[in-house]
Structures are given as C-alpha cells and as structure tokens.
Amino acid sequence: MLTQQEKDFLHYWEVNREKEGRFTYRLLHGLPQGIIFGAPIFICFLFRDWYKWLPFVSGEELLVVAIGVFCVVLFYSIFRQQYLWDRKEQQYKEISARAGAPGAQKPSGLNNDNE
C-alpha cells in the first residue's frame, strides 16, 4: 500500500522525468548552486590583500583562474543536478516496484528472494 505522498511523487516523476533529464534543465537549475560554490574561490583571488601569504596573481594568471573557476562551476552544477535526477529515478523505481506497477523493474537492492 502506498501513502499519498508516494502516489504524488509517482505522478510528479512520470510528468517531469523527461524535462528534468535534459542537459539545459540541469545546467540552468544547477547554475545558482555552482556559482555559490565557485564564487568564494574567485573572490579570494580578486581581493588578495586579505591574506598576506597568497602569491601575487597577474592579469593573465587571473584569467586562467577565472576560466578554471568557470569550469568548476559548470562541472558542479551539471553533476549536482545529475545526482539529484538519479536519486529521484531510484526512488521512483523503488516505489513503483513496491506498488507492483506493470513494467516496473525491481531495483537490485530490493531483491529479497533467496534464490
């Protein structure tokens, strides 16, 4: 027997699975968290007077740091959203397997058969 919350999640995921699986969705919805993750790194190099042991970074080196931070932001935002999508997909498979939905695959961790 499924709770109302699980039924709501099954309906939500059936409707939004494809939308949340697209690359542009992952990028745009993960970008704010990626910026929050990468901004302190870049700010550290912009205002380098606060820490006396930080070596001087010239303009060209600052460009390399900016490109590196941009790559970190993109990586974090895309893979964070991929992780969340995988987690929701796993939850969907577990709930649908418990519900006995036709065509639902039972996840390998839920196999309680002693075969």
PDB file of N, CA and C in Angstrom:
ATOM      1  N   MET A   1       0.837  -1.170   0.000  1.00  0.00           N
ATOM      2  CA  MET A   1       0.000   0.000   0.000  1.00  0.00           C
ATOM      3  C   MET A   1       0.889   1.242   0.000  1.00  0.00           C
ATOM      4  N   LEU A   2       0.563   2.177  -0.841  1.00  0.00           N
ATOM      5  CA  LEU A   2       1.350   3.398  -0.961  1.00  0.00           C
ATOM      6  C   LEU A   2       0.679   4.534  -0.197  1.00  0.00           C
ATOM      7  N   THR A   3       1.510   5.400   0.364  1.00  0.00           N
ATOM      8  CA  THR A   3       0.985   6.585   1.020  1.00  0.00           C
ATOM      9  C   THR A   3       0.628   7.615  -0.047  1.00  0.00           C
ATOM     10  N   GLN A   4      -0.101   8.633   0.358  1.00  0.00           N
ATOM     11  CA  GLN A   4      -0.493   9.683  -0.584  1.00  0.00           C
ATOM     12  C   GLN A   4       0.738  10.434  -1.096  1.00  0.00           C
ATOM     13  N   GLN A   5       1.725  10.605  -0.230  1.00  0.00           N
ATOM     14  CA  GLN A   5       2.948  11.292  -0.632  1.00  0.00           C
ATOM     15  C   GLN A   5       3.689  10.497  -1.709  1.00  0.00           C
ATOM     16  N   GLU A   6       3.721   9.190  -1.582  1.00  0.00           N
ATOM     17  CA  GLU A   6       4.376   8.357  -2.593  1.00  0.00           C
ATOM     18  C   GLU A   6       3.607   8.366  -3.902  1.00  0.00           C
ATOM     19  N   LYS A   7       2.281   8.359  -3.832  1.00  0.00           N
ATOM     20  CA  LYS A   7       1.475   8.454  -5.053  1.00  0.00           C
ATOM     21  C   LYS A   7       1.704   9.789  -5.752  1.00  0.00           C
ATOM     22  N   ASP A   8       1.778  10.859  -4.964  1.00  0.00           N
ATOM     23  CA  ASP A   8       2.049  12.177  -5.530  1.00  0.00           C
ATOM     24  C   ASP A   8       3.419  12.214  -6.202  1.00  0.00           C
ATOM     25  N   PHE A   9       4.417  11.590  -5.569  1.00  0.00           N
ATOM     26  CA  PHE A   9       5.748  11.564  -6.156  1.00  0.00           C
ATOM     27  C   PHE A   9       5.758  10.770  -7.465  1.00  0.00           C
ATOM     28  N   LEU A  10       5.059   9.629  -7.500  1.00  0.00           N
ATOM     29  CA  LEU A  10       4.995   8.839  -8.729  1.00  0.00           C
ATOM     30  C   LEU A  10       4.389   9.649  -9.866  1.00  0.00           C
ATOM     31  N   HIS A  11       3.318  10.364  -9.575  1.00  0.00           N
ATOM     32  CA  HIS A  11       2.689  11.197 -10.602  1.00  0.00           C
ATOM     33  C   HIS A  11       3.627  12.328 -11.034  1.00  0.00           C
ATOM     34  N   TYR A  12       4.248  12.988 -10.057  1.00  0.00           N
ATOM     35  CA  TYR A  12       5.181  14.084 -10.363  1.00  0.00           C
ATOM     36  C   TYR A  12       6.326  13.597 -11.250  1.00  0.00           C
ATOM     37  N   TRP A  13       6.899  12.449 -10.914  1.00  0.00           N
ATOM     38  CA  TRP A  13       8.077  11.984 -11.647  1.00  0.00           C
ATOM     39  C   TRP A  13       7.713  11.488 -13.039  1.00  0.00           C
ATOM     40  N   GLU A  14       6.521  10.904 -13.193  1.00  0.00           N
ATOM     41  CA  GLU A  14       6.086  10.491 -14.520  1.00  0.00           C
ATOM     42  C   GLU A  14       5.906  11.694 -15.441  1.00  0.00           C
ATOM     43  N   VAL A  15       5.464  12.803 -14.892  1.00  0.00           N
ATOM     44  CA  VAL A  15       5.255  14.016 -15.678  1.00  0.00           C
ATOM     45  C   VAL A  15       6.580  14.731 -15.957  1.00  0.00           C
ATOM     46  N   ASN A  16       7.467  14.814 -14.969  1.00  0.00           N
ATOM     47  CA  ASN A  16       8.665  15.661 -15.074  1.00  0.00           C
ATOM     48  C   ASN A  16       9.957  14.915 -15.354  1.00  0.00           C
ATOM     49  N   ARG A  17       9.922  13.634 -15.546  1.00  0.00           N
ATOM     50  CA  ARG A  17      11.147  12.851 -15.743  1.00  0.00           C
ATOM     51  C   ARG A  17      11.937  13.337 -16.961  1.00  0.00           C
ATOM     52  N   GLU A  18      11.270  13.470 -18.072  1.00  0.00           N
ATOM     53  CA  GLU A  18      11.966  13.880 -19.308  1.00  0.00           C
ATOM     54  C   GLU A  18      12.472  15.316 -19.220  1.00  0.00           C
ATOM     55  N   LYS A  19      11.662  16.207 -18.633  1.00  0.00           N
ATOM     56  CA  LYS A  19      12.057  17.608 -18.540  1.00  0.00           C
ATOM     57  C   LYS A  19      13.311  17.775 -17.676  1.00  0.00           C
ATOM     58  N   GLU A  20      13.341  17.107 -16.533  1.00  0.00           N
ATOM     59  CA  GLU A  20      14.478  17.239 -15.632  1.00  0.00           C
ATOM     60  C   GLU A  20      15.700  16.470 -16.126  1.00  0.00           C
ATOM     61  N   GLY A  21      15.525  15.616 -17.105  1.00  0.00           N
ATOM     62  CA  GLY A  21      16.643  14.853 -17.628  1.00  0.00           C
ATOM     63  C   GLY A  21      17.412  15.570 -18.725  1.00  0.00           C
ATOM     64  N   ARG A  22      16.879  16.689 -19.215  1.00  0.00           N
ATOM     65  CA  ARG A  22      17.557  17.409 -20.298  1.00  0.00           C
ATOM     66  C   ARG A  22      18.781  18.167 -19.791  1.00  0.00           C
ATOM     67  N   PHE A  23      19.769  18.316 -20.660  1.00  0.00           N
ATOM     68  CA  PHE A  23      21.017  18.990 -20.313  1.00  0.00           C
ATOM     69  C   PHE A  23      20.785  20.445 -19.940  1.00  0.00           C
ATOM     70  N   THR A  24      19.931  21.144 -20.700  1.00  0.00           N
ATOM     71  CA  THR A  24      19.710  22.564 -20.425  1.00  0.00           C
ATOM     72  C   THR A  24      19.035  22.765 -19.066  1.00  0.00           C
ATOM     73  N   TYR A  25      18.130  21.863 -18.710  1.00  0.00           N
ATOM     74  CA  TYR A  25      17.486  21.954 -17.399  1.00  0.00           C
ATOM     75  C   TYR A  25      18.522  21.774 -16.295  1.00  0.00           C
ATOM     76  N   ARG A  26      19.387  20.777 -16.479  1.00  0.00           N
ATOM     77  CA  ARG A  26      20.419  20.526 -15.464  1.00  0.00           C
ATOM     78  C   ARG A  26      21.340  21.729 -15.315  1.00  0.00           C
ATOM     79  N   LEU A  27      21.715  22.299 -16.445  1.00  0.00           N
ATOM     80  CA  LEU A  27      22.628  23.441 -16.399  1.00  0.00           C
ATOM     81  C   LEU A  27      21.973  24.651 -15.753  1.00  0.00           C
ATOM     82  N   LEU A  28      20.777  25.010 -16.203  1.00  0.00           N
ATOM     83  CA  LEU A  28      20.138  26.228 -15.710  1.00  0.00           C
ATOM     84  C   LEU A  28      19.697  26.122 -14.251  1.00  0.00           C
ATOM     85  N   HIS A  29      19.245  24.956 -13.827  1.00  0.00           N
ATOM     86  CA  HIS A  29      18.802  24.818 -12.443  1.00  0.00           C
ATOM     87  C   HIS A  29      19.952  24.526 -11.475  1.00  0.00           C
ATOM     88  N   GLY A  30      21.065  24.059 -11.989  1.00  0.00           N
ATOM     89  CA  GLY A  30      22.208  23.808 -11.128  1.00  0.00           C
ATOM     90  C   GLY A  30      23.177  24.974 -11.066  1.00  0.00           C
ATOM     91  N   LEU A  31      23.040  25.916 -11.997  1.00  0.00           N
ATOM     92  CA  LEU A  31      23.981  27.035 -12.068  1.00  0.00           C
ATOM     93  C   LEU A  31      24.009  27.906 -10.809  1.00  0.00           C
ATOM     94  N   PRO A  32      22.880  28.242 -10.195  1.00  0.00           N
ATOM     95  CA  PRO A  32      22.966  29.046  -8.963  1.00  0.00           C
ATOM     96  C   PRO A  32      23.792  28.376  -7.861  1.00  0.00           C
ATOM     97  N   GLN A  33      23.625  27.078  -7.670  1.00  0.00           N
ATOM     98  CA  GLN A  33      24.424  26.389  -6.655  1.00  0.00           C
ATOM     99  C   GLN A  33      25.882  26.310  -7.076  1.00  0.00           C
ATOM    100  N   GLY A  34      26.126  26.151  -8.367  1.00  0.00           N
ATOM    101  CA  GLY A  34      27.502  26.135  -8.862  1.00  0.00           C
ATOM    102  C   GLY A  34      28.196  27.464  -8.644  1.00  0.00           C
ATOM    103  N   ILE A  35      27.459  28.553  -8.855  1.00  0.00           N
ATOM    104  CA  ILE A  35      28.036  29.888  -8.636  1.00  0.00           C
ATOM    105  C   ILE A  35      28.317  30.101  -7.157  1.00  0.00           C
ATOM    106  N   ILE A  36      27.416  29.657  -6.306  1.00  0.00           N
ATOM    107  CA  ILE A  36      27.648  29.774  -4.864  1.00  0.00           C
ATOM    108  C   ILE A  36      28.879  28.966  -4.461  1.00  0.00           C
ATOM    109  N   PHE A  37      29.102  27.847  -5.133  1.00  0.00           N
ATOM    110  CA  PHE A  37      30.255  27.007  -4.839  1.00  0.00           C
ATOM    111  C   PHE A  37      31.554  27.630  -5.354  1.00  0.00           C
ATOM    112  N   GLY A  38      31.522  28.257  -6.530  1.00  0.00           N
ATOM    113  CA  GLY A  38      32.742  28.767  -7.144  1.00  0.00           C
ATOM    114  C   GLY A  38      33.072  30.222  -6.844  1.00  0.00           C
ATOM    115  N   ALA A  39      32.083  31.003  -6.446  1.00  0.00           N
ATOM    116  CA  ALA A  39      32.313  32.427  -6.208  1.00  0.00           C
ATOM    117  C   ALA A  39      33.353  32.701  -5.117  1.00  0.00           C
ATOM    118  N   PRO A  40      33.340  32.005  -3.989  1.00  0.00           N
ATOM    119  CA  PRO A  40      34.362  32.295  -2.967  1.00  0.00           C
ATOM    120  C   PRO A  40      35.789  32.051  -3.459  1.00  0.00           C
ATOM    121  N   ILE A  41      35.969  31.083  -4.333  1.00  0.00           N
ATOM    122  CA  ILE A  41      37.304  30.824  -4.870  1.00  0.00           C
ATOM    123  C   ILE A  41      37.777  32.015  -5.696  1.00  0.00           C
ATOM    124  N   PHE A  42      36.892  32.507  -6.548  1.00  0.00           N
ATOM    125  CA  PHE A  42      37.260  33.639  -7.402  1.00  0.00           C
ATOM    126  C   PHE A  42      37.440  34.910  -6.586  1.00  0.00           C
ATOM    127  N   ILE A  43      36.578  35.125  -5.613  1.00  0.00           N
ATOM    128  CA  ILE A  43      36.675  36.323  -4.769  1.00  0.00           C
ATOM    129  C   ILE A  43      37.981  36.315  -3.985  1.00  0.00           C
ATOM    130  N   CYS A  44      38.430  35.142  -3.582  1.00  0.00           N
ATOM    131  CA  CYS A  44      39.696  35.017  -2.869  1.00  0.00           C
ATOM    132  C   CYS A  44      40.854  35.555  -3.704  1.00  0.00           C
ATOM    133  N   PHE A  45      40.824  35.289  -5.007  1.00  0.00           N
ATOM    134  CA  PHE A  45      41.893  35.776  -5.877  1.00  0.00           C
ATOM    135  C   PHE A  45      41.703  37.229  -6.283  1.00  0.00           C
ATOM    136  N   LEU A  46      40.475  37.717  -6.320  1.00  0.00           N
ATOM    137  CA  LEU A  46      40.245  39.122  -6.653  1.00  0.00           C
ATOM    138  C   LEU A  46      40.732  40.040  -5.539  1.00  0.00           C
ATOM    139  N   PHE A  47      40.383  39.733  -4.315  1.00  0.00           N
ATOM    140  CA  PHE A  47      40.772  40.543  -3.165  1.00  0.00           C
ATOM    141  C   PHE A  47      41.868  39.813  -2.411  1.00  0.00           C
ATOM    142  N   ARG A  48      43.048  39.817  -2.979  1.00  0.00           N
ATOM    143  CA  ARG A  48      44.142  39.022  -2.428  1.00  0.00           C
ATOM    144  C   ARG A  48      44.901  39.722  -1.305  1.00  0.00           C
ATOM    145  N   ASP A  49      44.502  40.933  -0.948  1.00  0.00           N
ATOM    146  CA  ASP A  49      45.207  41.650   0.121  1.00  0.00           C
ATOM    147  C   ASP A  49      44.823  41.152   1.511  1.00  0.00           C
ATOM    148  N   TRP A  50      43.768  40.382   1.626  1.00  0.00           N
ATOM    149  CA  TRP A  50      43.326  39.945   2.941  1.00  0.00           C
ATOM    150  C   TRP A  50      44.217  38.849   3.504  1.00  0.00           C
ATOM    151  N   TYR A  51      44.921  38.141   2.642  1.00  0.00           N
ATOM    152  CA  TYR A  51      45.773  37.048   3.093  1.00  0.00           C
ATOM    153  C   TYR A  51      47.186  37.316   2.590  1.00  0.00           C
ATOM    154  N   LYS A  52      48.105  37.575   3.496  1.00  0.00           N
ATOM    155  CA  LYS A  52      49.450  38.027   3.123  1.00  0.00           C
ATOM    156  C   LYS A  52      50.286  36.960   2.432  1.00  0.00           C
ATOM    157  N   TRP A  53      49.990  35.675   2.656  1.00  0.00           N
ATOM    158  CA  TRP A  53      50.811  34.616   2.071  1.00  0.00           C
ATOM    159  C   TRP A  53      50.360  34.208   0.676  1.00  0.00           C
ATOM    160  N   LEU A  54      49.240  34.770   0.213  1.00  0.00           N
ATOM    161  CA  LEU A  54      48.761  34.453  -1.127  1.00  0.00           C
ATOM    162  C   LEU A  54      49.678  35.130  -2.146  1.00  0.00           C
ATOM    163  N   PRO A  55      50.266  34.377  -3.061  1.00  0.00           N
ATOM    164  CA  PRO A  55      51.182  34.990  -4.025  1.00  0.00           C
ATOM    165  C   PRO A  55      50.459  35.945  -4.960  1.00  0.00           C
ATOM    166  N   PHE A  56      51.204  36.871  -5.508  1.00  0.00           N
ATOM    167  CA  PHE A  56      50.641  37.838  -6.433  1.00  0.00           C
ATOM    168  C   PHE A  56      50.159  37.126  -7.696  1.00  0.00           C
ATOM    169  N   VAL A  57      48.994  37.518  -8.145  1.00  0.00           N
ATOM    170  CA  VAL A  57      48.414  36.929  -9.355  1.00  0.00           C
ATOM    171  C   VAL A  57      48.281  38.041 -10.374  1.00  0.00           C
ATOM    172  N   SER A  58      48.972  37.890 -11.500  1.00  0.00           N
ATOM    173  CA  SER A  58      48.913  38.919 -12.541  1.00  0.00           C
ATOM    174  C   SER A  58      47.589  38.811 -13.302  1.00  0.00           C
ATOM    175  N   GLY A  59      47.400  39.722 -14.241  1.00  0.00           N
ATOM    176  CA  GLY A  59      46.169  39.744 -15.016  1.00  0.00           C
ATOM    177  C   GLY A  59      45.967  38.484 -15.841  1.00  0.00           C
ATOM    178  N   GLU A  60      47.054  37.992 -16.444  1.00  0.00           N
ATOM    179  CA  GLU A  60      46.940  36.773 -17.254  1.00  0.00           C
ATOM    180  C   GLU A  60      46.641  35.560 -16.375  1.00  0.00           C
ATOM    181  N   GLU A  61      47.282  35.504 -15.235  1.00  0.00           N
ATOM    182  CA  GLU A  61      47.024  34.389 -14.324  1.00  0.00           C
ATOM    183  C   GLU A  61      45.610  34.457 -13.760  1.00  0.00           C
ATOM    184  N   LEU A  62      45.108  35.682 -13.553  1.00  0.00           N
ATOM    185  CA  LEU A  62      43.741  35.834 -13.071  1.00  0.00           C
ATOM    186  C   LEU A  62      42.742  35.330 -14.113  1.00  0.00           C
ATOM    187  N   LEU A  63      43.060  35.512 -15.384  1.00  0.00           N
ATOM    188  CA  LEU A  63      42.212  34.982 -16.445  1.00  0.00           C
ATOM    189  C   LEU A  63      42.188  33.456 -16.404  1.00  0.00           C
ATOM    190  N   VAL A  64      43.334  32.847 -16.178  1.00  0.00           N
ATOM    191  CA  VAL A  64      43.400  31.384 -16.072  1.00  0.00           C
ATOM    192  C   VAL A  64      42.600  30.902 -14.859  1.00  0.00           C
ATOM    193  N   VAL A  65      42.712  31.624 -13.756  1.00  0.00           N
ATOM    194  CA  VAL A  65      41.946  31.278 -12.558  1.00  0.00           C
ATOM    195  C   VAL A  65      40.450  31.418 -12.841  1.00  0.00           C
ATOM    196  N   ALA A  66      40.058  32.478 -13.543  1.00  0.00           N
ATOM    197  CA  ALA A  66      38.643  32.693 -13.871  1.00  0.00           C
ATOM    198  C   ALA A  66      38.115  31.569 -14.757  1.00  0.00           C
ATOM    199  N   ILE A  67      38.896  31.155 -15.735  1.00  0.00           N
ATOM    200  CA  ILE A  67      38.479  30.054 -16.608  1.00  0.00           C
ATOM    201  C   ILE A  67      38.365  28.761 -15.803  1.00  0.00           C
ATOM    202  N   GLY A  68      39.311  28.530 -14.906  1.00  0.00           N
ATOM    203  CA  GLY A  68      39.255  27.337 -14.053  1.00  0.00           C
ATOM    204  C   GLY A  68      38.042  27.334 -13.145  1.00  0.00           C
ATOM    205  N   VAL A  69      37.744  28.478 -12.554  1.00  0.00           N
ATOM    206  CA  VAL A  69      36.577  28.578 -11.676  1.00  0.00           C
ATOM    207  C   VAL A  69      35.298  28.387 -12.492  1.00  0.00           C
ATOM    208  N   PHE A  70      35.265  28.922 -13.705  1.00  0.00           N
ATOM    209  CA  PHE A  70      34.105  28.734 -14.573  1.00  0.00           C
ATOM    210  C   PHE A  70      33.891  27.250 -14.879  1.00  0.00           C
ATOM    211  N   CYS A  71      34.968  26.544 -15.146  1.00  0.00           N
ATOM    212  CA  CYS A  71      34.864  25.099 -15.405  1.00  0.00           C
ATOM    213  C   CYS A  71      34.382  24.351 -14.165  1.00  0.00           C
ATOM    214  N   VAL A  72      34.855  24.750 -13.001  1.00  0.00           N
ATOM    215  CA  VAL A  72      34.409  24.124 -11.752  1.00  0.00           C
ATOM    216  C   VAL A  72      32.921  24.382 -11.532  1.00  0.00           C
ATOM    217  N   VAL A  73      32.466  25.595 -11.811  1.00  0.00           N
ATOM    218  CA  VAL A  73      31.055  25.939 -11.653  1.00  0.00           C
ATOM    219  C   VAL A  73      30.190  25.096 -12.585  1.00  0.00           C
ATOM    220  N   LEU A  74      30.602  24.974 -13.841  1.00  0.00           N
ATOM    221  CA  LEU A  74      29.838  24.158 -14.787  1.00  0.00           C
ATOM    222  C   LEU A  74      29.806  22.695 -14.359  1.00  0.00           C
ATOM    223  N   PHE A  75      30.959  22.170 -13.992  1.00  0.00           N
ATOM    224  CA  PHE A  75      31.038  20.776 -13.563  1.00  0.00           C
ATOM    225  C   PHE A  75      30.136  20.529 -12.363  1.00  0.00           C
ATOM    226  N   TYR A  76      30.236  21.380 -11.360  1.00  0.00           N
ATOM    227  CA  TYR A  76      29.450  21.203 -10.147  1.00  0.00           C
ATOM    228  C   TYR A  76      27.965  21.298 -10.440  1.00  0.00           C
ATOM    229  N   SER A  77      27.560  22.282 -11.234  1.00  0.00           N
ATOM    230  CA  SER A  77      26.131  22.480 -11.480  1.00  0.00           C
ATOM    231  C   SER A  77      25.526  21.321 -12.265  1.00  0.00           C
ATOM    232  N   ILE A  78      26.218  20.835 -13.285  1.00  0.00           N
ATOM    233  CA  ILE A  78      25.677  19.750 -14.101  1.00  0.00           C
ATOM    234  C   ILE A  78      25.639  18.441 -13.325  1.00  0.00           C
ATOM    235  N   PHE A  79      26.728  18.106 -12.663  1.00  0.00           N
ATOM    236  CA  PHE A  79      26.774  16.824 -11.974  1.00  0.00           C
ATOM    237  C   PHE A  79      25.957  16.808 -10.691  1.00  0.00           C
ATOM    238  N   ARG A  80      25.735  17.938 -10.086  1.00  0.00           N
ATOM    239  CA  ARG A  80      24.837  18.003  -8.925  1.00  0.00           C
ATOM    240  C   ARG A  80      23.415  17.682  -9.365  1.00  0.00           C
ATOM    241  N   GLN A  81      22.990  18.283 -10.473  1.00  0.00           N
ATOM    242  CA  GLN A  81      21.655  18.003 -10.976  1.00  0.00           C
ATOM    243  C   GLN A  81      21.527  16.562 -11.468  1.00  0.00           C
ATOM    244  N   GLN A  82      22.595  16.016 -12.041  1.00  0.00           N
ATOM    245  CA  GLN A  82      22.571  14.616 -12.465  1.00  0.00           C
ATOM    246  C   GLN A  82      22.393  13.706 -11.254  1.00  0.00           C
ATOM    247  N   TYR A  83      23.073  14.037 -10.173  1.00  0.00           N
ATOM    248  CA  TYR A  83      22.946  13.257  -8.937  1.00  0.00           C
ATOM    249  C   TYR A  83      21.507  13.302  -8.417  1.00  0.00           C
ATOM    250  N   LEU A  84      20.915  14.497  -8.416  1.00  0.00           N
ATOM    251  CA  LEU A  84      19.545  14.620  -7.936  1.00  0.00           C
ATOM    252  C   LEU A  84      18.576  13.852  -8.825  1.00  0.00           C
ATOM    253  N   TRP A  85      18.800  13.893 -10.149  1.00  0.00           N
ATOM    254  CA  TRP A  85      17.940  13.159 -11.074  1.00  0.00           C
ATOM    255  C   TRP A  85      18.058  11.661 -10.817  1.00  0.00           C
ATOM    256  N   ASP A  86      19.270  11.165 -10.647  1.00  0.00           N
ATOM    257  CA  ASP A  86      19.472   9.739 -10.379  1.00  0.00           C
ATOM    258  C   ASP A  86      18.802   9.309  -9.073  1.00  0.00           C
ATOM    259  N   ARG A  87      18.873  10.168  -8.079  1.00  0.00           N
ATOM    260  CA  ARG A  87      18.249   9.862  -6.799  1.00  0.00           C
ATOM    261  C   ARG A  87      16.727   9.764  -6.928  1.00  0.00           C
ATOM    262  N   LYS A  88      16.140  10.710  -7.670  1.00  0.00           N
ATOM    263  CA  LYS A  88      14.692  10.663  -7.883  1.00  0.00           C
ATOM    264  C   LYS A  88      14.298   9.451  -8.722  1.00  0.00           C
ATOM    265  N   GLU A  89      15.106   9.127  -9.723  1.00  0.00           N
ATOM    266  CA  GLU A  89      14.823   7.963 -10.560  1.00  0.00           C
ATOM    267  C   GLU A  89      14.871   6.677  -9.731  1.00  0.00           C
ATOM    268  N   GLN A  90      15.841   6.568  -8.849  1.00  0.00           N
ATOM    269  CA  GLN A  90      15.951   5.393  -7.982  1.00  0.00           C
ATOM    270  C   GLN A  90      14.751   5.309  -7.042  1.00  0.00           C
ATOM    271  N   GLN A  91      14.358   6.441  -6.493  1.00  0.00           N
ATOM    272  CA  GLN A  91      13.197   6.456  -5.610  1.00  0.00           C
ATOM    273  C   GLN A  91      11.943   6.053  -6.374  1.00  0.00           C
ATOM    274  N   TYR A  92      11.806   6.522  -7.604  1.00  0.00           N
ATOM    275  CA  TYR A  92      10.656   6.163  -8.434  1.00  0.00           C
ATOM    276  C   TYR A  92      10.621   4.658  -8.691  1.00  0.00           C
ATOM    277  N   LYS A  93      11.769   4.081  -9.012  1.00  0.00           N
ATOM    278  CA  LYS A  93      11.826   2.645  -9.273  1.00  0.00           C
ATOM    279  C   LYS A  93      11.482   1.839  -8.022  1.00  0.00           C
ATOM    280  N   GLU A  94      11.964   2.277  -6.872  1.00  0.00           N
ATOM    281  CA  GLU A  94      11.670   1.556  -5.633  1.00  0.00           C
ATOM    282  C   GLU A  94      10.192   1.615  -5.289  1.00  0.00           C
ATOM    283  N   ILE A  95       9.590   2.797  -5.426  1.00  0.00           N
ATOM    284  CA  ILE A  95       8.176   2.937  -5.082  1.00  0.00           C
ATOM    285  C   ILE A  95       7.306   2.180  -6.077  1.00  0.00           C
ATOM    286  N   SER A  96       7.638   2.276  -7.364  1.00  0.00           N
ATOM    287  CA  SER A  96       6.815   1.576  -8.355  1.00  0.00           C
ATOM    288  C   SER A  96       6.971   0.065  -8.222  1.00  0.00           C
ATOM    289  N   ALA A  97       8.125  -0.416  -7.786  1.00  0.00           N
ATOM    290  CA  ALA A  97       8.302  -1.844  -7.568  1.00  0.00           C
ATOM    291  C   ALA A  97       7.464  -2.312  -6.375  1.00  0.00           C
ATOM    292  N   ARG A  98       7.393  -1.482  -5.344  1.00  0.00           N
ATOM    293  CA  ARG A  98       6.558  -1.827  -4.189  1.00  0.00           C
ATOM    294  C   ARG A  98       5.085  -1.802  -4.550  1.00  0.00           C
ATOM    295  N   ALA A  99       4.725  -0.900  -5.463  1.00  0.00           N
ATOM    296  CA  ALA A  99       3.330  -0.781  -5.868  1.00  0.00           C
ATOM    297  C   ALA A  99       2.933  -1.911  -6.801  1.00  0.00           C
ATOM    298  N   GLY A 100       3.936  -2.574  -7.376  1.00  0.00           N
ATOM    299  CA  GLY A 100       3.640  -3.657  -8.303  1.00  0.00           C
ATOM    300  C   GLY A 100       3.151  -3.153  -9.636  1.00  0.00           C
ATOM    301  N   ALA A 101       3.645  -2.002 -10.036  1.00  0.00           N
ATOM    302  CA  ALA A 101       3.242  -1.424 -11.309  1.00  0.00           C
ATOM    303  C   ALA A 101       3.719  -2.310 -12.450  1.00  0.00           C
ATOM    304  N   PRO A 102       2.889  -2.498 -13.462  1.00  0.00           N
ATOM    305  CA  PRO A 102       3.306  -3.337 -14.588  1.00  0.00           C
ATOM    306  C   PRO A 102       4.458  -2.684 -15.337  1.00  0.00           C
ATOM    307  N   GLY A 103       5.448  -3.473 -15.658  1.00  0.00           N
ATOM    308  CA  GLY A 103       6.607  -2.965 -16.381  1.00  0.00           C
ATOM    309  C   GLY A 103       7.650  -2.329 -15.491  1.00  0.00           C
ATOM    310  N   ALA A 104       7.392  -2.257 -14.195  1.00  0.00           N
ATOM    311  CA  ALA A 104       8.358  -1.657 -13.282  1.00  0.00           C
ATOM    312  C   ALA A 104       9.444  -2.676 -12.968  1.00  0.00           C
ATOM    313  N   GLN A 105      10.670  -2.216 -13.050  1.00  0.00           N
ATOM    314  CA  GLN A 105      11.795  -3.095 -12.745  1.00  0.00           C
ATOM    315  C   GLN A 105      12.117  -2.978 -11.266  1.00  0.00           C
ATOM    316  N   LYS A 106      12.360  -4.102 -10.669  1.00  0.00           N
ATOM    317  CA  LYS A 106      12.716  -4.110  -9.255  1.00  0.00           C
ATOM    318  C   LYS A 106      14.200  -3.790  -9.141  1.00  0.00           C
ATOM    319  N   PRO A 107      14.581  -2.743  -8.393  1.00  0.00           N
ATOM    320  CA  PRO A 107      15.999  -2.437  -8.218  1.00  0.00           C
ATOM    321  C   PRO A 107      16.733  -3.591  -7.560  1.00  0.00           C
ATOM    322  N   SER A 108      17.999  -3.710  -7.884  1.00  0.00           N
ATOM    323  CA  SER A 108      18.782  -4.863  -7.408  1.00  0.00           C
ATOM    324  C   SER A 108      18.878  -4.901  -5.886  1.00  0.00           C
ATOM    325  N   GLY A 109      18.846  -3.769  -5.220  1.00  0.00           N
ATOM    326  CA  GLY A 109      18.958  -3.741  -3.769  1.00  0.00           C
ATOM    327  C   GLY A 109      17.699  -4.196  -3.055  1.00  0.00           C
ATOM    328  N   LEU A 110      16.578  -4.279  -3.781  1.00  0.00           N
ATOM    329  CA  LEU A 110      15.319  -4.632  -3.152  1.00  0.00           C
ATOM    330  C   LEU A 110      14.956  -6.091  -3.337  1.00  0.00           C
ATOM    331  N   ASN A 111      15.815  -6.872  -3.920  1.00  0.00           N
ATOM    332  CA  ASN A 111      15.504  -8.262  -4.189  1.00  0.00           C
ATOM    333  C   ASN A 111      15.658  -9.070  -2.895  1.00  0.00           C
ATOM    334  N   ASN A 112      14.513  -9.475  -2.335  1.00  0.00           N
ATOM    335  CA  ASN A 112      14.522 -10.225  -1.085  1.00  0.00           C
ATOM    336  C   ASN A 112      14.354 -11.723  -1.301  1.00  0.00           C
ATOM    337  N   ASP A 113      14.349 -12.150  -2.547  1.00  0.00           N
ATOM    338  CA  ASP A 113      14.198 -13.559  -2.847  1.00  0.00           C
ATOM    339  C   ASP A 113      15.471 -14.307  -2.498  1.00  0.00           C
ATOM    340  N   ASN A 114      15.330 -15.485  -1.949  1.00  0.00           N
ATOM    341  CA  ASN A 114      16.502 -16.307  -1.602  1.00  0.00           C
ATOM    342  C   ASN A 114      16.751 -17.334  -2.684  1.00  0.00           C
ATOM    343  N   GLU A 115      17.074 -16.863  -3.843  1.00  0.00           N
ATOM    344  CA  GLU A 115      17.305 -17.762  -4.988  1.00  0.00           C
ATOM    345  C   GLU A 115      18.725 -18.194  -5.057  1.00  0.00           C
TER     346      GLU A 115
END
